[in-house]
Protein backbone atom coordinates (compact mmCIF):
# COMPACT_ATOMS: atom_id res chain seq x y z
CA UNK A 1 46.65 -33.74 -33.18
CA UNK A 2 45.80 -35.92 -30.19
CA UNK A 3 47.71 -35.86 -26.96
CA UNK A 4 49.83 -38.90 -26.21
CA UNK A 5 48.50 -41.13 -23.46
CA UNK A 6 50.87 -42.74 -20.99
CA UNK A 7 48.95 -46.01 -20.78
CA UNK A 8 49.58 -48.55 -23.46
CA UNK A 9 46.82 -48.42 -26.06
CA UNK A 10 45.33 -51.35 -27.85
CA UNK A 11 45.99 -52.00 -31.52
CA UNK A 12 43.23 -50.88 -33.91
CA UNK A 13 44.74 -52.03 -37.24
CA UNK A 14 47.26 -54.75 -38.02
CA UNK A 15 48.54 -55.15 -41.58
CA UNK A 16 50.90 -58.08 -42.08
CA UNK A 17 52.88 -58.95 -45.24
CA UNK A 18 50.21 -57.42 -47.49
CA UNK A 19 50.51 -58.19 -51.21
CA UNK A 20 48.01 -56.93 -53.81
CA UNK A 21 48.52 -57.40 -57.54
CA UNK A 22 46.43 -55.89 -60.31
CA UNK A 23 45.75 -57.98 -63.37
CA UNK A 24 45.16 -56.42 -66.80
CA UNK A 25 45.35 -57.28 -70.47
CA UNK A 26 48.46 -56.42 -72.46
CA UNK A 27 47.90 -54.40 -75.60
CA UNK A 28 47.75 -56.59 -78.66
CA UNK A 29 46.61 -56.32 -82.27
CA UNK A 30 43.24 -57.59 -83.49
CA UNK A 31 45.04 -60.07 -85.75
CA UNK A 32 47.08 -61.39 -82.83
CA UNK A 33 43.93 -61.74 -80.76
CA UNK A 34 42.26 -63.81 -83.46
CA UNK A 35 45.23 -66.04 -84.06
CA UNK A 36 46.16 -66.67 -80.43
CA UNK A 37 42.56 -66.67 -79.17
CA UNK A 38 43.92 -65.70 -75.76
CA UNK A 39 45.07 -62.37 -74.45
CA UNK A 40 48.20 -62.20 -72.36
CA UNK A 41 47.68 -61.12 -68.77
CA UNK A 42 49.86 -58.32 -67.43
CA UNK A 43 50.54 -58.27 -63.68
CA UNK A 44 51.19 -55.08 -61.71
CA UNK A 45 52.21 -55.47 -58.05
CA UNK A 46 50.55 -52.57 -56.21
CA UNK A 47 51.64 -53.58 -52.69
CA UNK A 48 54.67 -55.74 -51.95
CA UNK A 49 54.72 -57.20 -48.47
CA UNK A 50 53.70 -54.15 -46.44
CA UNK A 51 53.42 -54.61 -42.66
CA UNK A 52 52.53 -52.12 -39.90
CA UNK A 53 50.29 -51.57 -36.88
CA UNK A 54 48.24 -48.56 -35.78
CA UNK A 55 47.26 -48.00 -32.17
CA UNK A 56 43.69 -47.08 -31.31
CA UNK A 57 43.21 -43.32 -31.39
CA UNK A 58 46.23 -42.56 -33.56
CA UNK A 59 46.08 -40.39 -36.70
CA UNK A 60 48.26 -41.93 -39.39
CA UNK A 61 49.18 -40.01 -42.53
CA UNK A 62 50.05 -42.09 -45.59
CA UNK A 63 52.35 -40.42 -48.10
CA UNK A 64 54.12 -41.32 -51.33
CA UNK A 65 54.29 -40.32 -54.96
CA UNK A 66 51.43 -41.12 -57.36
CA UNK A 67 51.08 -44.83 -58.03
CA UNK A 68 52.83 -45.91 -54.84
CA UNK A 69 49.87 -47.93 -53.53
CA UNK A 70 48.38 -45.51 -50.99
CA UNK A 71 44.77 -45.69 -52.20
CA UNK A 72 45.09 -49.43 -52.76
CA UNK A 73 46.09 -49.74 -49.11
CA UNK A 74 43.00 -47.86 -47.92
CA UNK A 75 40.68 -49.90 -50.13
CA UNK A 76 42.18 -53.12 -48.81
CA UNK A 77 41.70 -52.00 -45.19
CA UNK A 78 38.10 -51.02 -46.07
CA UNK A 79 37.48 -54.51 -47.46
CA UNK A 80 37.02 -53.43 -51.09
CA UNK A 81 40.16 -55.25 -52.27
CA UNK A 82 41.14 -58.73 -51.11
CA UNK A 83 44.83 -59.39 -50.42
CA UNK A 84 46.63 -61.84 -52.69
CA UNK A 85 48.80 -62.61 -49.70
CA UNK A 86 48.98 -61.39 -46.13
CA UNK A 87 46.44 -60.32 -43.52
CA UNK A 88 44.49 -57.28 -42.32
CA UNK A 89 42.97 -57.30 -38.82
CA UNK A 90 40.72 -54.45 -37.63
CA UNK A 91 40.36 -56.03 -34.18
CA UNK A 92 36.57 -55.77 -34.26
CA UNK A 93 36.38 -52.09 -35.19
CA UNK A 94 33.91 -50.60 -37.68
CA UNK A 95 35.47 -48.88 -40.70
CA UNK A 96 34.43 -46.27 -43.27
CA UNK A 97 36.23 -45.13 -46.41
CA UNK A 98 35.90 -41.56 -47.65
CA UNK A 99 37.07 -41.41 -51.26
CA UNK A 100 35.77 -39.78 -54.43
CA UNK A 101 34.06 -42.28 -56.71
CA UNK A 102 33.69 -44.99 -54.08
CA UNK A 103 30.53 -46.16 -52.37
CA UNK A 104 27.70 -44.40 -54.23
CA UNK A 105 25.11 -45.83 -56.62
CA UNK A 106 25.06 -43.09 -59.26
CA UNK A 107 21.50 -43.91 -60.37
CA UNK A 108 20.12 -43.23 -56.89
CA UNK A 109 19.51 -39.81 -55.38
CA UNK A 110 21.80 -38.29 -52.79
CA UNK A 111 19.24 -38.97 -50.05
CA UNK A 112 18.88 -42.60 -51.12
CA UNK A 113 22.66 -42.93 -51.09
CA UNK A 114 22.76 -41.68 -47.51
CA UNK A 115 20.75 -44.73 -46.50
CA UNK A 116 22.63 -47.10 -48.80
CA UNK A 117 26.03 -45.94 -47.53
CA UNK A 118 24.89 -45.97 -43.92
CA UNK A 119 23.60 -49.53 -44.13
CA UNK A 120 26.83 -50.67 -45.81
CA UNK A 121 28.66 -49.19 -42.81
CA UNK A 122 26.49 -51.30 -40.49
CA UNK A 123 24.02 -48.68 -39.27
CA UNK A 124 20.29 -49.43 -38.96
CA UNK A 125 17.66 -47.49 -40.90
CA UNK A 126 16.54 -45.88 -37.63
CA UNK A 127 20.09 -44.74 -36.80
CA UNK A 128 20.52 -43.24 -40.26
CA UNK A 129 17.14 -41.50 -40.13
CA UNK A 130 18.11 -39.89 -36.82
CA UNK A 131 21.19 -38.36 -38.54
CA UNK A 132 19.63 -37.65 -41.97
CA UNK A 133 18.91 -33.93 -41.45
CA UNK A 134 22.36 -33.32 -39.99
CA UNK A 135 24.03 -35.04 -42.96
CA UNK A 136 21.98 -33.06 -45.49
CA UNK A 137 22.64 -29.78 -43.68
CA UNK A 138 26.39 -30.42 -43.52
CA UNK A 139 26.63 -31.49 -47.19
CA UNK A 140 24.88 -28.25 -48.20
CA UNK A 141 24.17 -29.24 -51.82
CA UNK A 142 20.62 -27.84 -51.91
CA UNK A 143 17.99 -29.52 -54.09
CA UNK A 144 20.61 -31.85 -55.56
CA UNK A 145 20.11 -34.07 -52.52
CA UNK A 146 16.96 -35.31 -54.29
CA UNK A 147 18.64 -35.79 -57.68
CA UNK A 148 20.68 -38.76 -58.96
CA UNK A 149 24.34 -38.73 -57.95
CA UNK A 150 25.31 -39.09 -61.63
CA UNK A 151 24.29 -35.42 -62.04
CA UNK A 152 26.73 -34.28 -59.31
CA UNK A 153 29.98 -32.42 -59.81
CA UNK A 154 33.05 -33.86 -58.07
CA UNK A 155 32.67 -31.12 -55.46
CA UNK A 156 29.08 -32.07 -54.63
CA UNK A 157 30.04 -35.74 -54.54
CA UNK A 158 32.82 -35.04 -52.06
CA UNK A 159 30.57 -32.88 -49.88
CA UNK A 160 27.95 -35.60 -49.54
CA UNK A 161 30.54 -38.35 -49.05
CA UNK A 162 32.31 -36.37 -46.35
CA UNK A 163 29.04 -35.51 -44.61
CA UNK A 164 27.96 -39.17 -44.46
CA UNK A 165 31.30 -40.36 -43.11
CA UNK A 166 31.68 -37.48 -40.67
CA UNK A 167 28.18 -37.66 -39.18
CA UNK A 168 27.83 -41.48 -39.16
CA UNK A 169 30.95 -41.96 -37.06
CA UNK A 170 32.85 -45.27 -37.19
CA UNK A 171 35.75 -46.56 -35.07
CA UNK A 172 38.19 -46.33 -37.99
CA UNK A 173 38.01 -43.60 -40.64
CA UNK A 174 39.95 -43.84 -43.91
CA UNK A 175 40.31 -40.51 -45.73
CA UNK A 176 41.61 -40.47 -49.32
CA UNK A 177 42.48 -36.93 -50.54
CA UNK A 178 38.92 -35.68 -49.93
CA UNK A 179 40.01 -32.83 -47.64
CA UNK A 180 41.49 -31.11 -50.69
CA UNK A 181 38.28 -31.23 -52.79
CA UNK A 182 35.48 -28.68 -52.87
CA UNK A 183 35.22 -24.93 -52.57
CA UNK A 184 37.25 -22.93 -50.05
CA UNK A 185 34.35 -22.66 -47.58
CA UNK A 186 33.73 -26.41 -47.57
CA UNK A 187 37.45 -27.17 -47.29
CA UNK A 188 37.59 -25.13 -44.11
CA UNK A 189 34.40 -26.68 -42.75
CA UNK A 190 35.56 -30.24 -43.50
CA UNK A 191 39.01 -29.57 -42.04
CA UNK A 192 37.48 -28.23 -38.82
CA UNK A 193 35.07 -31.18 -38.65
CA UNK A 194 37.97 -33.58 -39.12
CA UNK A 195 39.86 -31.96 -36.24
CA UNK A 196 36.72 -32.36 -34.10
CA UNK A 197 36.34 -36.03 -35.03
CA UNK A 198 39.93 -36.99 -34.38
CA UNK A 199 39.85 -35.39 -30.94
CA UNK A 200 38.11 -38.61 -29.82
CA UNK A 201 40.96 -40.66 -28.33
CA UNK A 202 39.24 -43.91 -29.33
CA UNK A 203 38.85 -43.08 -33.04
CA UNK A 204 41.60 -44.18 -35.41
CA UNK A 205 42.10 -42.24 -38.65
CA UNK A 206 44.22 -42.93 -41.74
CA UNK A 207 44.69 -39.97 -44.10
CA UNK A 208 46.13 -40.20 -47.62
CA UNK A 209 47.21 -36.77 -48.82
CA UNK A 210 49.81 -35.03 -50.98
CA UNK A 211 49.36 -31.94 -48.84
CA UNK A 212 52.21 -32.24 -46.35
CA UNK A 213 50.89 -29.30 -44.31
CA UNK A 214 47.70 -31.29 -43.68
CA UNK A 215 49.73 -34.36 -42.71
CA UNK A 216 51.94 -32.29 -40.41
CA UNK A 217 49.08 -30.51 -38.64
CA UNK A 218 46.67 -33.43 -38.21
CA UNK A 219 48.75 -36.59 -37.88
CA UNK A 220 50.62 -38.30 -35.04
CA UNK A 221 52.52 -40.70 -37.32
CA UNK A 222 53.43 -41.04 -40.99
CA UNK A 223 53.61 -44.13 -43.19
CA UNK A 224 55.70 -43.65 -46.36
CA UNK A 225 55.05 -46.02 -49.28
CA UNK A 226 57.09 -46.02 -52.48
CA UNK A 227 56.36 -48.28 -55.46
CA UNK A 228 54.33 -50.62 -53.26
CA UNK A 229 57.00 -50.99 -50.58
CA UNK A 230 57.09 -49.61 -47.04
CA UNK A 231 59.91 -47.08 -46.81
CA UNK A 232 59.42 -45.76 -43.27
CA UNK A 233 56.86 -45.64 -40.46
CA UNK A 234 57.41 -43.20 -37.61
CA UNK A 235 56.71 -39.77 -36.18
CA UNK A 236 55.88 -36.77 -38.38
CA UNK A 237 59.16 -35.12 -37.36
CA UNK A 238 61.13 -38.22 -38.31
CA UNK A 239 59.53 -39.20 -41.61
CA UNK A 240 58.57 -35.97 -43.41
CA UNK A 241 62.11 -34.52 -43.70
CA UNK A 242 63.38 -37.77 -45.25
CA UNK A 243 60.43 -37.89 -47.63
CA UNK A 244 60.91 -34.27 -48.74
CA UNK A 245 64.61 -34.94 -49.39
CA UNK A 246 63.76 -38.07 -51.37
CA UNK A 247 61.22 -36.22 -53.53
CA UNK A 248 63.77 -33.49 -54.33
CA UNK A 249 66.27 -35.98 -55.78
């Protein structure tokens, strides 16, 4: 966890009145589909007017039960989802999202995906090439680095994704449950690397995790989301006890 700095820090992330709604098709019979010719659209509000700010250099843990909107929040901040209403301002910072199943072209090899992911993060081919060996060494997936990502296990996928994000450092890092994936050795290595990365007082990190020990040990602040609504945003010591009590009800 980073030390608090007396001087007022600048804001790295501003989220204001954020609304995101998923749209899907309601289940209907084949006969009904033929007769009505139109399928009824079902709306699911994933985020309902969430607002908060994160200072530069802070480590924010995002908690909540499954389906509360945590991953949706990260994807919106990363620019993958567009808000239906509201605003997200990264104040000029570069951002990377580390999440299983996001960001890779499964037909390309791991090495090719290093370059693809790096360029999507805004790095030049020369910058990526300078870090290529370090990324491959950290991922430690052997000859699979030259095979299509579609042949990877979830563990290998997470190793490569973490290595790319950790070595190609951005101003804002968004981590979605990836610290809990992989074998015991890689979990320890990724956890130690994360502690090293967040020691930079200018790097802002958002971590989604169900592991409250991880949240408690790494984070400065906690954001609690429930059913798409912001329940509480404050210090670890303030928010976690209330959340634990709520989950025990």
